[in-house]
């Protein structure tokens, strides 16, 4: 199962304080929009998303179709195929991709400990 790029999406209380904290660990701004209360930070292949006021819990995020530089992969498993595979294994999904669509789509599951897992395809 090819899940694409991985990041941890953090639900932060203060975007600028969190940014400064992770910059001390060597993370640099990679994307996002501080005016919209979200930033993506990167240190090597490690990616952290900071999201103020957008969701309640920290979330594991996978981006099918992207590498760690947000560049499109030549070959990848589409999120709708991943969805079919997960459902066939009995994984309950909290949100699903439209099976009749193509291109960008997402799905979400909750792990046994209550952690959200987002598969968010942008291509």
PDB file of N, CA and C in Angstrom:
ATOM      1  N   UNK A   1       0.850  -1.166   0.000  1.00  0.00           N
ATOM      2  CA  UNK A   1       0.000   0.000   0.000  1.00  0.00           C
ATOM      3  C   UNK A   1       0.903   1.239   0.000  1.00  0.00           C
ATOM      4  N   UNK A   2       0.868   2.004  -1.082  1.00  0.00           N
ATOM      5  CA  UNK A   2       1.669   3.228  -1.187  1.00  0.00           C
ATOM      6  C   UNK A   2       0.842   4.409  -0.705  1.00  0.00           C
ATOM      7  N   UNK A   3       1.242   4.989   0.434  1.00  0.00           N
ATOM      8  CA  UNK A   3       0.465   6.059   1.047  1.00  0.00           C
ATOM      9  C   UNK A   3       0.956   7.457   0.691  1.00  0.00           C
ATOM     10  N   UNK A   4       2.126   7.571   0.083  1.00  0.00           N
ATOM     11  CA  UNK A   4       2.656   8.884  -0.279  1.00  0.00           C
ATOM     12  C   UNK A   4       3.368   9.550   0.881  1.00  0.00           C
ATOM     13  N   UNK A   5       3.494  10.865   0.799  1.00  0.00           N
ATOM     14  CA  UNK A   5       4.211  11.635   1.817  1.00  0.00           C
ATOM     15  C   UNK A   5       3.509  11.519   3.169  1.00  0.00           C
ATOM     16  N   UNK A   6       4.292  11.543   4.232  1.00  0.00           N
ATOM     17  CA  UNK A   6       3.753  11.469   5.588  1.00  0.00           C
ATOM     18  C   UNK A   6       4.066  12.747   6.344  1.00  0.00           C
ATOM     19  N   UNK A   7       3.108  13.197   7.134  1.00  0.00           N
ATOM     20  CA  UNK A   7       3.340  14.309   8.055  1.00  0.00           C
ATOM     21  C   UNK A   7       2.446  14.124   9.269  1.00  0.00           C
ATOM     22  N   UNK A   8       2.809  14.819  10.308  1.00  0.00           N
ATOM     23  CA  UNK A   8       1.939  14.892  11.475  1.00  0.00           C
ATOM     24  C   UNK A   8       1.297  16.275  11.430  1.00  0.00           C
ATOM     25  N   UNK A   9      -0.009  16.311  11.535  1.00  0.00           N
ATOM     26  CA  UNK A   9      -0.748  17.569  11.549  1.00  0.00           C
ATOM     27  C   UNK A   9      -1.103  17.867  12.999  1.00  0.00           C
ATOM     28  N   UNK A  10      -0.575  18.965  13.511  1.00  0.00           N
ATOM     29  CA  UNK A  10      -0.763  19.304  14.909  1.00  0.00           C
ATOM     30  C   UNK A  10      -1.839  20.371  15.080  1.00  0.00           C
ATOM     31  N   UNK A  11      -2.767  20.119  15.989  1.00  0.00           N
ATOM     32  CA  UNK A  11      -3.776  21.106  16.362  1.00  0.00           C
ATOM     33  C   UNK A  11      -3.125  22.003  17.416  1.00  0.00           C
ATOM     34  N   UNK A  12      -2.741  23.210  17.016  1.00  0.00           N
ATOM     35  CA  UNK A  12      -1.998  24.102  17.913  1.00  0.00           C
ATOM     36  C   UNK A  12      -2.890  25.221  18.438  1.00  0.00           C
ATOM     37  N   UNK A  13      -2.526  25.743  19.603  1.00  0.00           N
ATOM     38  CA  UNK A  13      -3.275  26.838  20.221  1.00  0.00           C
ATOM     39  C   UNK A  13      -2.780  28.194  19.744  1.00  0.00           C
ATOM     40  N   UNK A  14      -1.477  28.298  19.475  1.00  0.00           N
ATOM     41  CA  UNK A  14      -0.868  29.557  19.060  1.00  0.00           C
ATOM     42  C   UNK A  14       0.107  29.260  17.925  1.00  0.00           C
ATOM     43  N   UNK A  15      -0.297  29.586  16.715  1.00  0.00           N
ATOM     44  CA  UNK A  15       0.486  29.250  15.522  1.00  0.00           C
ATOM     45  C   UNK A  15       1.910  29.801  15.601  1.00  0.00           C
ATOM     46  N   UNK A  16       2.054  31.061  15.976  1.00  0.00           N
ATOM     47  CA  UNK A  16       3.388  31.675  16.002  1.00  0.00           C
ATOM     48  C   UNK A  16       4.273  31.072  17.085  1.00  0.00           C
ATOM     49  N   UNK A  17       3.714  30.771  18.249  1.00  0.00           N
ATOM     50  CA  UNK A  17       4.495  30.137  19.308  1.00  0.00           C
ATOM     51  C   UNK A  17       4.950  28.743  18.874  1.00  0.00           C
ATOM     52  N   UNK A  18       4.061  27.992  18.234  1.00  0.00           N
ATOM     53  CA  UNK A  18       4.420  26.654  17.763  1.00  0.00           C
ATOM     54  C   UNK A  18       5.455  26.734  16.657  1.00  0.00           C
ATOM     55  N   UNK A  19       5.293  27.690  15.763  1.00  0.00           N
ATOM     56  CA  UNK A  19       6.274  27.881  14.687  1.00  0.00           C
ATOM     57  C   UNK A  19       7.657  28.145  15.273  1.00  0.00           C
ATOM     58  N   UNK A  20       7.749  29.062  16.213  1.00  0.00           N
ATOM     59  CA  UNK A  20       9.035  29.390  16.827  1.00  0.00           C
ATOM     60  C   UNK A  20       9.635  28.173  17.526  1.00  0.00           C
ATOM     61  N   UNK A  21       8.797  27.399  18.210  1.00  0.00           N
ATOM     62  CA  UNK A  21       9.262  26.210  18.900  1.00  0.00           C
ATOM     63  C   UNK A  21       9.892  25.221  17.922  1.00  0.00           C
ATOM     64  N   UNK A  22       9.189  24.903  16.847  1.00  0.00           N
ATOM     65  CA  UNK A  22       9.703  23.912  15.900  1.00  0.00           C
ATOM     66  C   UNK A  22      10.851  24.453  15.049  1.00  0.00           C
ATOM     67  N   UNK A  23      10.898  25.754  14.847  1.00  0.00           N
ATOM     68  CA  UNK A  23      12.050  26.344  14.159  1.00  0.00           C
ATOM     69  C   UNK A  23      13.316  26.155  14.990  1.00  0.00           C
ATOM     70  N   UNK A  24      13.201  26.137  16.310  1.00  0.00           N
ATOM     71  CA  UNK A  24      14.350  25.882  17.175  1.00  0.00           C
ATOM     72  C   UNK A  24      14.906  24.474  16.957  1.00  0.00           C
ATOM     73  N   UNK A  25      14.079  23.566  16.458  1.00  0.00           N
ATOM     74  CA  UNK A  25      14.510  22.209  16.132  1.00  0.00           C
ATOM     75  C   UNK A  25      15.010  22.100  14.693  1.00  0.00           C
ATOM     76  N   UNK A  26      15.082  23.214  13.984  1.00  0.00           N
ATOM     77  CA  UNK A  26      15.603  23.218  12.623  1.00  0.00           C
ATOM     78  C   UNK A  26      14.550  23.138  11.536  1.00  0.00           C
ATOM     79  N   UNK A  27      13.275  23.190  11.889  1.00  0.00           N
ATOM     80  CA  UNK A  27      12.222  23.181  10.869  1.00  0.00           C
ATOM     81  C   UNK A  27      12.134  24.552  10.210  1.00  0.00           C
ATOM     82  N   UNK A  28      11.857  24.552   8.917  1.00  0.00           N
ATOM     83  CA  UNK A  28      11.701  25.778   8.128  1.00  0.00           C
ATOM     84  C   UNK A  28      10.332  25.759   7.454  1.00  0.00           C
ATOM     85  N   UNK A  29       9.783  26.946   7.234  1.00  0.00           N
ATOM     86  CA  UNK A  29       8.492  27.039   6.556  1.00  0.00           C
ATOM     87  C   UNK A  29       8.606  26.458   5.153  1.00  0.00           C
ATOM     88  N   UNK A  30       7.655  25.601   4.817  1.00  0.00           N
ATOM     89  CA  UNK A  30       7.640  24.904   3.529  1.00  0.00           C
ATOM     90  C   UNK A  30       6.397  25.258   2.725  1.00  0.00           C
ATOM     91  N   UNK A  31       5.332  25.596   3.423  1.00  0.00           N
ATOM     92  CA  UNK A  31       4.081  25.922   2.756  1.00  0.00           C
ATOM     93  C   UNK A  31       3.063  26.409   3.759  1.00  0.00           C
ATOM     94  N   UNK A  32       1.872  26.635   3.271  1.00  0.00           N
ATOM     95  CA  UNK A  32       0.791  27.068   4.146  1.00  0.00           C
ATOM     96  C   UNK A  32       0.510  28.545   4.018  1.00  0.00           C
ATOM     97  N   UNK A  33      -0.269  29.045   4.980  1.00  0.00           N
ATOM     98  CA  UNK A  33      -0.672  30.446   4.962  1.00  0.00           C
ATOM     99  C   UNK A  33      -0.959  30.866   6.402  1.00  0.00           C
ATOM    100  N   UNK A  34      -0.021  31.597   7.003  1.00  0.00           N
ATOM    101  CA  UNK A  34      -0.171  32.011   8.396  1.00  0.00           C
ATOM    102  C   UNK A  34      -1.420  32.859   8.595  1.00  0.00           C
ATOM    103  N   UNK A  35      -1.803  33.648   7.593  1.00  0.00           N
ATOM    104  CA  UNK A  35      -3.005  34.485   7.705  1.00  0.00           C
ATOM    105  C   UNK A  35      -4.267  33.622   7.808  1.00  0.00           C
ATOM    106  N   UNK A  36      -4.193  32.384   7.316  1.00  0.00           N
ATOM    107  CA  UNK A  36      -5.313  31.442   7.409  1.00  0.00           C
ATOM    108  C   UNK A  36      -5.119  30.462   8.568  1.00  0.00           C
ATOM    109  N   UNK A  37      -4.117  30.707   9.401  1.00  0.00           N
ATOM    110  CA  UNK A  37      -3.831  29.918  10.613  1.00  0.00           C
ATOM    111  C   UNK A  37      -3.319  28.511  10.348  1.00  0.00           C
ATOM    112  N   UNK A  38      -2.558  28.333   9.264  1.00  0.00           N
ATOM    113  CA  UNK A  38      -1.921  27.032   9.057  1.00  0.00           C
ATOM    114  C   UNK A  38      -0.585  27.204   8.339  1.00  0.00           C
ATOM    115  N   UNK A  39       0.388  26.370   8.733  1.00  0.00           N
ATOM    116  CA  UNK A  39       1.714  26.357   8.128  1.00  0.00           C
ATOM    117  C   UNK A  39       2.203  24.918   8.025  1.00  0.00           C
ATOM    118  N   UNK A  40       3.025  24.672   7.026  1.00  0.00           N
ATOM    119  CA  UNK A  40       3.710  23.396   6.874  1.00  0.00           C
ATOM    120  C   UNK A  40       5.190  23.680   7.079  1.00  0.00           C
ATOM    121  N   UNK A  41       5.806  22.936   7.972  1.00  0.00           N
ATOM    122  CA  UNK A  41       7.230  23.091   8.271  1.00  0.00           C
ATOM    123  C   UNK A  41       7.954  21.812   7.885  1.00  0.00           C
ATOM    124  N   UNK A  42       9.211  21.969   7.482  1.00  0.00           N
ATOM    125  CA  UNK A  42       9.967  20.808   7.021  1.00  0.00           C
ATOM    126  C   UNK A  42      11.392  20.872   7.555  1.00  0.00           C
ATOM    127  N   UNK A  43      11.921  19.710   7.911  1.00  0.00           N
ATOM    128  CA  UNK A  43      13.316  19.539   8.308  1.00  0.00           C
ATOM    129  C   UNK A  43      13.766  18.244   7.647  1.00  0.00           C
ATOM    130  N   UNK A  44      14.540  18.357   6.562  1.00  0.00           N
ATOM    131  CA  UNK A  44      14.896  17.170   5.785  1.00  0.00           C
ATOM    132  C   UNK A  44      13.639  16.575   5.196  1.00  0.00           C
ATOM    133  N   UNK A  45      13.415  15.295   5.439  1.00  0.00           N
ATOM    134  CA  UNK A  45      12.195  14.631   4.958  1.00  0.00           C
ATOM    135  C   UNK A  45      11.070  14.663   5.990  1.00  0.00           C
ATOM    136  N   UNK A  46      11.298  15.294   7.127  1.00  0.00           N
ATOM    137  CA  UNK A  46      10.306  15.340   8.201  1.00  0.00           C
ATOM    138  C   UNK A  46       9.394  16.554   8.014  1.00  0.00           C
ATOM    139  N   UNK A  47       8.092  16.314   8.066  1.00  0.00           N
ATOM    140  CA  UNK A  47       7.112  17.361   7.799  1.00  0.00           C
ATOM    141  C   UNK A  47       6.139  17.454   8.967  1.00  0.00           C
ATOM    142  N   UNK A  48       5.894  18.695   9.399  1.00  0.00           N
ATOM    143  CA  UNK A  48       4.927  18.969  10.455  1.00  0.00           C
ATOM    144  C   UNK A  48       3.966  20.026   9.922  1.00  0.00           C
ATOM    145  N   UNK A  49       2.679  19.771  10.062  1.00  0.00           N
ATOM    146  CA  UNK A  49       1.675  20.776   9.754  1.00  0.00           C
ATOM    147  C   UNK A  49       1.176  21.386  11.050  1.00  0.00           C
ATOM    148  N   UNK A  50       1.113  22.710  11.104  1.00  0.00           N
ATOM    149  CA  UNK A  50       0.593  23.417  12.273  1.00  0.00           C
ATOM    150  C   UNK A  50      -0.741  24.031  11.883  1.00  0.00           C
ATOM    151  N   UNK A  51      -1.798  23.687  12.611  1.00  0.00           N
ATOM    152  CA  UNK A  51      -3.151  24.130  12.271  1.00  0.00           C
ATOM    153  C   UNK A  51      -3.817  24.699  13.516  1.00  0.00           C
ATOM    154  N   UNK A  52      -4.033  26.007  13.523  1.00  0.00           N
ATOM    155  CA  UNK A  52      -4.671  26.660  14.660  1.00  0.00           C
ATOM    156  C   UNK A  52      -6.164  26.785  14.415  1.00  0.00           C
ATOM    157  N   UNK A  53      -6.950  26.169  15.305  1.00  0.00           N
ATOM    158  CA  UNK A  53      -8.399  26.299  15.242  1.00  0.00           C
ATOM    159  C   UNK A  53      -9.077  25.533  14.120  1.00  0.00           C
ATOM    160  N   UNK A  54      -8.401  24.576  13.499  1.00  0.00           N
ATOM    161  CA  UNK A  54      -8.982  23.862  12.365  1.00  0.00           C
ATOM    162  C   UNK A  54      -9.515  22.486  12.729  1.00  0.00           C
ATOM    163  N   UNK A  55      -8.925  21.847  13.728  1.00  0.00           N
ATOM    164  CA  UNK A  55      -9.423  20.568  14.194  1.00  0.00           C
ATOM    165  C   UNK A  55      -9.005  20.364  15.636  1.00  0.00           C
ATOM    166  N   UNK A  56      -9.634  19.399  16.297  1.00  0.00           N
ATOM    167  CA  UNK A  56      -9.467  19.229  17.735  1.00  0.00           C
ATOM    168  C   UNK A  56      -8.243  18.418  18.144  1.00  0.00           C
ATOM    169  N   UNK A  57      -7.886  17.419  17.341  1.00  0.00           N
ATOM    170  CA  UNK A  57      -6.825  16.502  17.729  1.00  0.00           C
ATOM    171  C   UNK A  57      -5.694  16.515  16.713  1.00  0.00           C
ATOM    172  N   UNK A  58      -4.521  16.094  17.163  1.00  0.00           N
ATOM    173  CA  UNK A  58      -3.415  15.870  16.247  1.00  0.00           C
ATOM    174  C   UNK A  58      -3.801  14.739  15.305  1.00  0.00           C
ATOM    175  N   UNK A  59      -3.243  14.756  14.100  1.00  0.00           N
ATOM    176  CA  UNK A  59      -3.664  13.804  13.080  1.00  0.00           C
ATOM    177  C   UNK A  59      -2.452  13.311  12.280  1.00  0.00           C
ATOM    178  N   UNK A  60      -2.438  12.017  11.991  1.00  0.00           N
ATOM    179  CA  UNK A  60      -1.469  11.463  11.053  1.00  0.00           C
ATOM    180  C   UNK A  60      -1.989  11.748   9.655  1.00  0.00           C
ATOM    181  N   UNK A  61      -1.147  12.278   8.787  1.00  0.00           N
ATOM    182  CA  UNK A  61      -1.588  12.641   7.443  1.00  0.00           C
ATOM    183  C   UNK A  61      -0.688  11.988   6.401  1.00  0.00           C
ATOM    184  N   UNK A  62      -1.311  11.372   5.410  1.00  0.00           N
ATOM    185  CA  UNK A  62      -0.611  10.790   4.271  1.00  0.00           C
ATOM    186  C   UNK A  62      -1.152  11.454   3.014  1.00  0.00           C
ATOM    187  N   UNK A  63      -0.256  11.727   2.062  1.00  0.00           N
ATOM    188  CA  UNK A  63      -0.651  12.369   0.806  1.00  0.00           C
ATOM    189  C   UNK A  63      -0.319  11.463  -0.378  1.00  0.00           C
ATOM    190  N   UNK A  64      -1.274  10.578  -0.756  1.00  0.00           N
ATOM    191  CA  UNK A  64      -1.040   9.741  -1.935  1.00  0.00           C
ATOM    192  C   UNK A  64      -0.738  10.616  -3.152  1.00  0.00           C
ATOM    193  N   UNK A  65       0.262  10.212  -3.913  1.00  0.00           N
ATOM    194  CA  UNK A  65       0.610  10.947  -5.128  1.00  0.00           C
ATOM    195  C   UNK A  65       1.685  11.987  -4.947  1.00  0.00           C
ATOM    196  N   UNK A  66       2.081  12.257  -3.715  1.00  0.00           N
ATOM    197  CA  UNK A  66       3.125  13.248  -3.435  1.00  0.00           C
ATOM    198  C   UNK A  66       4.332  12.603  -2.786  1.00  0.00           C
ATOM    199  N   UNK A  67       5.525  13.144  -3.092  1.00  0.00           N
ATOM    200  CA  UNK A  67       6.713  12.800  -2.325  1.00  0.00           C
ATOM    201  C   UNK A  67       6.863  13.821  -1.201  1.00  0.00           C
ATOM    202  N   UNK A  68       7.937  13.757  -0.443  1.00  0.00           N
ATOM    203  CA  UNK A  68       8.095  14.636   0.718  1.00  0.00           C
ATOM    204  C   UNK A  68       8.358  16.096   0.340  1.00  0.00           C
ATOM    205  N   UNK A  69       8.501  16.383  -0.960  1.00  0.00           N
ATOM    206  CA  UNK A  69       8.646  17.763  -1.427  1.00  0.00           C
ATOM    207  C   UNK A  69       7.367  18.282  -2.066  1.00  0.00           C
ATOM    208  N   UNK A  70       6.264  17.565  -1.884  1.00  0.00           N
ATOM    209  CA  UNK A  70       4.962  17.904  -2.475  1.00  0.00           C
ATOM    210  C   UNK A  70       5.027  17.902  -3.996  1.00  0.00           C
ATOM    211  N   UNK A  71       5.909  17.056  -4.535  1.00  0.00           N
ATOM    212  CA  UNK A  71       6.006  16.866  -5.982  1.00  0.00           C
ATOM    213  C   UNK A  71       5.237  15.609  -6.358  1.00  0.00           C
ATOM    214  N   UNK A  72       4.561  15.657  -7.489  1.00  0.00           N
ATOM    215  CA  UNK A  72       3.754  14.523  -7.932  1.00  0.00           C
ATOM    216  C   UNK A  72       4.648  13.325  -8.241  1.00  0.00           C
ATOM    217  N   UNK A  73       4.238  12.182  -7.733  1.00  0.00           N
ATOM    218  CA  UNK A  73       4.923  10.927  -8.019  1.00  0.00           C
ATOM    219  C   UNK A  73       4.461  10.390  -9.366  1.00  0.00           C
ATOM    220  N   UNK A  74       5.372   9.745 -10.102  1.00  0.00           N
ATOM    221  CA  UNK A  74       4.996   9.161 -11.386  1.00  0.00           C
ATOM    222  C   UNK A  74       3.973   8.045 -11.207  1.00  0.00           C
ATOM    223  N   UNK A  75       4.181   7.218 -10.206  1.00  0.00           N
ATOM    224  CA  UNK A  75       3.257   6.125  -9.935  1.00  0.00           C
ATOM    225  C   UNK A  75       2.827   6.152  -8.483  1.00  0.00           C
ATOM    226  N   UNK A  76       1.538   5.993  -8.250  1.00  0.00           N
ATOM    227  CA  UNK A  76       1.047   5.973  -6.876  1.00  0.00           C
ATOM    228  C   UNK A  76      -0.298   5.264  -6.842  1.00  0.00           C
ATOM    229  N   UNK A  77      -0.698   4.858  -5.654  1.00  0.00           N
ATOM    230  CA  UNK A  77      -1.994   4.225  -5.471  1.00  0.00           C
ATOM    231  C   UNK A  77      -3.023   5.304  -5.161  1.00  0.00           C
ATOM    232  N   UNK A  78      -4.031   5.411  -6.004  1.00  0.00           N
ATOM    233  CA  UNK A  78      -5.075   6.410  -5.844  1.00  0.00           C
ATOM    234  C   UNK A  78      -5.816   6.207  -4.522  1.00  0.00           C
ATOM    235  N   UNK A  79      -6.239   7.300  -3.904  1.00  0.00           N
ATOM    236  CA  UNK A  79      -6.922   7.239  -2.614  1.00  0.00           C
ATOM    237  C   UNK A  79      -8.183   6.376  -2.672  1.00  0.00           C
ATOM    238  N   UNK A  80      -8.849   6.336  -3.821  1.00  0.00           N
ATOM    239  CA  UNK A  80     -10.054   5.506  -3.935  1.00  0.00           C
ATOM    240  C   UNK A  80      -9.703   4.018  -3.883  1.00  0.00           C
ATOM    241  N   UNK A  81      -8.565   3.641  -4.448  1.00  0.00           N
ATOM    242  CA  UNK A  81      -8.100   2.258  -4.360  1.00  0.00           C
ATOM    243  C   UNK A  81      -7.673   1.946  -2.927  1.00  0.00           C
ATOM    244  N   UNK A  82      -6.999   2.857  -2.284  1.00  0.00           N
ATOM    245  CA  UNK A  82      -6.629   2.663  -0.880  1.00  0.00           C
ATOM    246  C   UNK A  82      -7.887   2.480  -0.031  1.00  0.00           C
ATOM    247  N   UNK A  83      -8.905   3.259  -0.327  1.00  0.00           N
ATOM    248  CA  UNK A  83     -10.181   3.161   0.382  1.00  0.00           C
ATOM    249  C   UNK A  83     -10.781   1.767   0.221  1.00  0.00           C
ATOM    250  N   UNK A  84     -10.788   1.258  -0.999  1.00  0.00           N
ATOM    251  CA  UNK A  84     -11.323  -0.091  -1.239  1.00  0.00           C
ATOM    252  C   UNK A  84     -10.539  -1.133  -0.445  1.00  0.00           C
ATOM    253  N   UNK A  85      -9.208  -1.001  -0.423  1.00  0.00           N
ATOM    254  CA  UNK A  85      -8.368  -1.950   0.301  1.00  0.00           C
ATOM    255  C   UNK A  85      -8.627  -1.885   1.806  1.00  0.00           C
ATOM    256  N   UNK A  86      -8.748  -0.684   2.340  1.00  0.00           N
ATOM    257  CA  UNK A  86      -8.993  -0.532   3.773  1.00  0.00           C
ATOM    258  C   UNK A  86     -10.360  -1.097   4.163  1.00  0.00           C
ATOM    259  N   UNK A  87     -11.374  -0.784   3.366  1.00  0.00           N
ATOM    260  CA  UNK A  87     -12.717  -1.287   3.656  1.00  0.00           C
ATOM    261  C   UNK A  87     -12.755  -2.813   3.566  1.00  0.00           C
ATOM    262  N   UNK A  88     -12.028  -3.392   2.624  1.00  0.00           N
ATOM    263  CA  UNK A  88     -11.974  -4.847   2.485  1.00  0.00           C
ATOM    264  C   UNK A  88     -11.336  -5.496   3.711  1.00  0.00           C
ATOM    265  N   UNK A  89     -10.496  -4.742   4.428  1.00  0.00           N
ATOM    266  CA  UNK A  89      -9.865  -5.245   5.648  1.00  0.00           C
ATOM    267  C   UNK A  89     -10.683  -4.927   6.895  1.00  0.00           C
ATOM    268  N   UNK A  90     -11.880  -4.357   6.692  1.00  0.00           N
ATOM    269  CA  UNK A  90     -12.759  -4.075   7.817  1.00  0.00           C
ATOM    270  C   UNK A  90     -12.490  -2.771   8.535  1.00  0.00           C
ATOM    271  N   UNK A  91     -11.702  -1.886   7.932  1.00  0.00           N
ATOM    272  CA  UNK A  91     -11.427  -0.590   8.548  1.00  0.00           C
ATOM    273  C   UNK A  91     -12.639   0.318   8.346  1.00  0.00           C
ATOM    274  N   UNK A  92     -13.164   0.848   9.443  1.00  0.00           N
ATOM    275  CA  UNK A  92     -14.297   1.772   9.374  1.00  0.00           C
ATOM    276  C   UNK A  92     -13.781   3.166   9.043  1.00  0.00           C
ATOM    277  N   UNK A  93     -14.398   3.801   8.070  1.00  0.00           N
ATOM    278  CA  UNK A  93     -13.983   5.133   7.648  1.00  0.00           C
ATOM    279  C   UNK A  93     -14.962   6.176   8.176  1.00  0.00           C
ATOM    280  N   UNK A  94     -14.416   7.271   8.672  1.00  0.00           N
ATOM    281  CA  UNK A  94     -15.234   8.374   9.178  1.00  0.00           C
ATOM    282  C   UNK A  94     -15.698   9.277   8.034  1.00  0.00           C
ATOM    283  N   UNK A  95     -14.876   9.375   6.994  1.00  0.00           N
ATOM    284  CA  UNK A  95     -15.251  10.069   5.767  1.00  0.00           C
ATOM    285  C   UNK A  95     -14.623   9.299   4.617  1.00  0.00           C
ATOM    286  N   UNK A  96     -15.261   9.390   3.455  1.00  0.00           N
ATOM    287  CA  UNK A  96     -14.816   8.601   2.313  1.00  0.00           C
ATOM    288  C   UNK A  96     -14.653   9.472   1.076  1.00  0.00           C
ATOM    289  N   UNK A  97     -13.784   9.014   0.184  1.00  0.00           N
ATOM    290  CA  UNK A  97     -13.641   9.620  -1.135  1.00  0.00           C
ATOM    291  C   UNK A  97     -14.796   9.152  -2.010  1.00  0.00           C
ATOM    292  N   UNK A  98     -15.253  10.005  -2.896  1.00  0.00           N
ATOM    293  CA  UNK A  98     -16.303   9.656  -3.852  1.00  0.00           C
ATOM    294  C   UNK A  98     -15.707   8.688  -4.865  1.00  0.00           C
ATOM    295  N   UNK A  99     -16.187   7.465  -4.854  1.00  0.00           N
ATOM    296  CA  UNK A  99     -15.658   6.413  -5.738  1.00  0.00           C
ATOM    297  C   UNK A  99     -15.840   6.733  -7.216  1.00  0.00           C
ATOM    298  N   UNK A 100     -16.770   7.610  -7.559  1.00  0.00           N
ATOM    299  CA  UNK A 100     -17.023   7.933  -8.970  1.00  0.00           C
ATOM    300  C   UNK A 100     -16.169   9.092  -9.464  1.00  0.00           C
ATOM    301  N   UNK A 101     -15.391   9.698  -8.571  1.00  0.00           N
ATOM    302  CA  UNK A 101     -14.585  10.856  -8.942  1.00  0.00           C
ATOM    303  C   UNK A 101     -13.165  10.441  -9.320  1.00  0.00           C
ATOM    304  N   UNK A 102     -12.410  11.399  -9.815  1.00  0.00           N
ATOM    305  CA  UNK A 102     -10.980  11.226 -10.075  1.00  0.00           C
ATOM    306  C   UNK A 102     -10.266  12.448  -9.509  1.00  0.00           C
ATOM    307  N   UNK A 103      -8.953  12.349  -9.370  1.00  0.00           N
ATOM    308  CA  UNK A 103      -8.174  13.483  -8.885  1.00  0.00           C
ATOM    309  C   UNK A 103      -8.228  13.634  -7.379  1.00  0.00           C
ATOM    310  N   UNK A 104      -8.110  14.875  -6.903  1.00  0.00           N
ATOM    311  CA  UNK A 104      -8.055  15.115  -5.465  1.00  0.00           C
ATOM    312  C   UNK A 104      -9.263  14.542  -4.723  1.00  0.00           C
ATOM    313  N   UNK A 105      -8.978  13.931  -3.573  1.00  0.00           N
ATOM    314  CA  UNK A 105     -10.012  13.351  -2.717  1.00  0.00           C
ATOM    315  C   UNK A 105      -9.350  12.955  -1.406  1.00  0.00           C
ATOM    316  N   UNK A 106     -10.179  12.652  -0.413  1.00  0.00           N
ATOM    317  CA  UNK A 106      -9.617  12.258   0.876  1.00  0.00           C
ATOM    318  C   UNK A 106     -10.527  11.260   1.575  1.00  0.00           C
ATOM    319  N   UNK A 107      -9.949  10.627   2.583  1.00  0.00           N
ATOM    320  CA  UNK A 107     -10.695   9.752   3.475  1.00  0.00           C
ATOM    321  C   UNK A 107     -10.105   9.898   4.860  1.00  0.00           C
ATOM    322  N   UNK A 108     -10.881   9.527   5.861  1.00  0.00           N
ATOM    323  CA  UNK A 108     -10.380   9.580   7.224  1.00  0.00           C
ATOM    324  C   UNK A 108     -10.853   8.362   8.000  1.00  0.00           C
ATOM    325  N   UNK A 109      -9.929   7.844   8.798  1.00  0.00           N
ATOM    326  CA  UNK A 109     -10.228   6.755   9.722  1.00  0.00           C
ATOM    327  C   UNK A 109      -9.752   7.186  11.111  1.00  0.00           C
ATOM    328  N   UNK A 110     -10.220   6.499  12.122  1.00  0.00           N
ATOM    329  CA  UNK A 110      -9.785   6.745  13.496  1.00  0.00           C
ATOM    330  C   UNK A 110      -9.142   5.458  13.996  1.00  0.00           C
ATOM    331  N   UNK A 111      -7.901   5.562  14.496  1.00  0.00           N
ATOM    332  CA  UNK A 111      -7.226   4.354  14.968  1.00  0.00           C
ATOM    333  C   UNK A 111      -7.820   3.905  16.307  1.00  0.00           C
ATOM    334  N   UNK A 112      -7.434   2.726  16.801  1.00  0.00           N
ATOM    335  CA  UNK A 112      -8.044   2.192  18.026  1.00  0.00           C
ATOM    336  C   UNK A 112      -7.877   3.090  19.254  1.00  0.00           C
ATOM    337  N   UNK A 113      -6.928   4.024  19.216  1.00  0.00           N
ATOM    338  CA  UNK A 113      -6.708   4.923  20.343  1.00  0.00           C
ATOM    339  C   UNK A 113      -7.341   6.296  20.137  1.00  0.00           C
ATOM    340  N   UNK A 114      -8.135   6.434  19.077  1.00  0.00           N
ATOM    341  CA  UNK A 114      -8.836   7.686  18.836  1.00  0.00           C
ATOM    342  C   UNK A 114      -8.074   8.708  18.006  1.00  0.00           C
ATOM    343  N   UNK A 115      -6.944   8.305  17.431  1.00  0.00           N
ATOM    344  CA  UNK A 115      -6.152   9.225  16.615  1.00  0.00           C
ATOM    345  C   UNK A 115      -6.674   9.262  15.187  1.00  0.00           C
ATOM    346  N   UNK A 116      -6.964  10.438  14.663  1.00  0.00           N
ATOM    347  CA  UNK A 116      -7.405  10.536  13.272  1.00  0.00           C
ATOM    348  C   UNK A 116      -6.251  10.221  12.312  1.00  0.00           C
ATOM    349  N   UNK A 117      -6.582   9.515  11.238  1.00  0.00           N
ATOM    350  CA  UNK A 117      -5.632   9.218  10.166  1.00  0.00           C
ATOM    351  C   UNK A 117      -6.284   9.710   8.877  1.00  0.00           C
ATOM    352  N   UNK A 118      -5.642  10.690   8.250  1.00  0.00           N
ATOM    353  CA  UNK A 118      -6.163  11.317   7.042  1.00  0.00           C
ATOM    354  C   UNK A 118      -5.341  10.900   5.842  1.00  0.00           C
ATOM    355  N   UNK A 119      -5.984  10.426   4.800  1.00  0.00           N
ATOM    356  CA  UNK A 119      -5.346  10.215   3.506  1.00  0.00           C
ATOM    357  C   UNK A 119      -5.895  11.304   2.602  1.00  0.00           C
ATOM    358  N   UNK A 120      -5.050  12.259   2.246  1.00  0.00           N
ATOM    359  CA  UNK A 120      -5.465  13.484   1.571  1.00  0.00           C
ATOM    360  C   UNK A 120      -4.704  13.611   0.259  1.00  0.00           C
ATOM    361  N   UNK A 121      -5.332  13.208  -0.818  1.00  0.00           N
ATOM    362  CA  UNK A 121      -4.706  13.214  -2.143  1.00  0.00           C
ATOM    363  C   UNK A 121      -4.983  14.551  -2.833  1.00  0.00           C
ATOM    364  N   UNK A 122      -3.909  15.209  -3.277  1.00  0.00           N
ATOM    365  CA  UNK A 122      -4.018  16.533  -3.921  1.00  0.00           C
ATOM    366  C   UNK A 122      -3.877  16.487  -5.438  1.00  0.00           C
ATOM    367  N   UNK A 123      -3.570  15.320  -5.994  1.00  0.00           N
ATOM    368  CA  UNK A 123      -3.355  15.199  -7.443  1.00  0.00           C
ATOM    369  C   UNK A 123      -4.381  14.285  -8.072  1.00  0.00           C
TER     370      UNK A 123
END
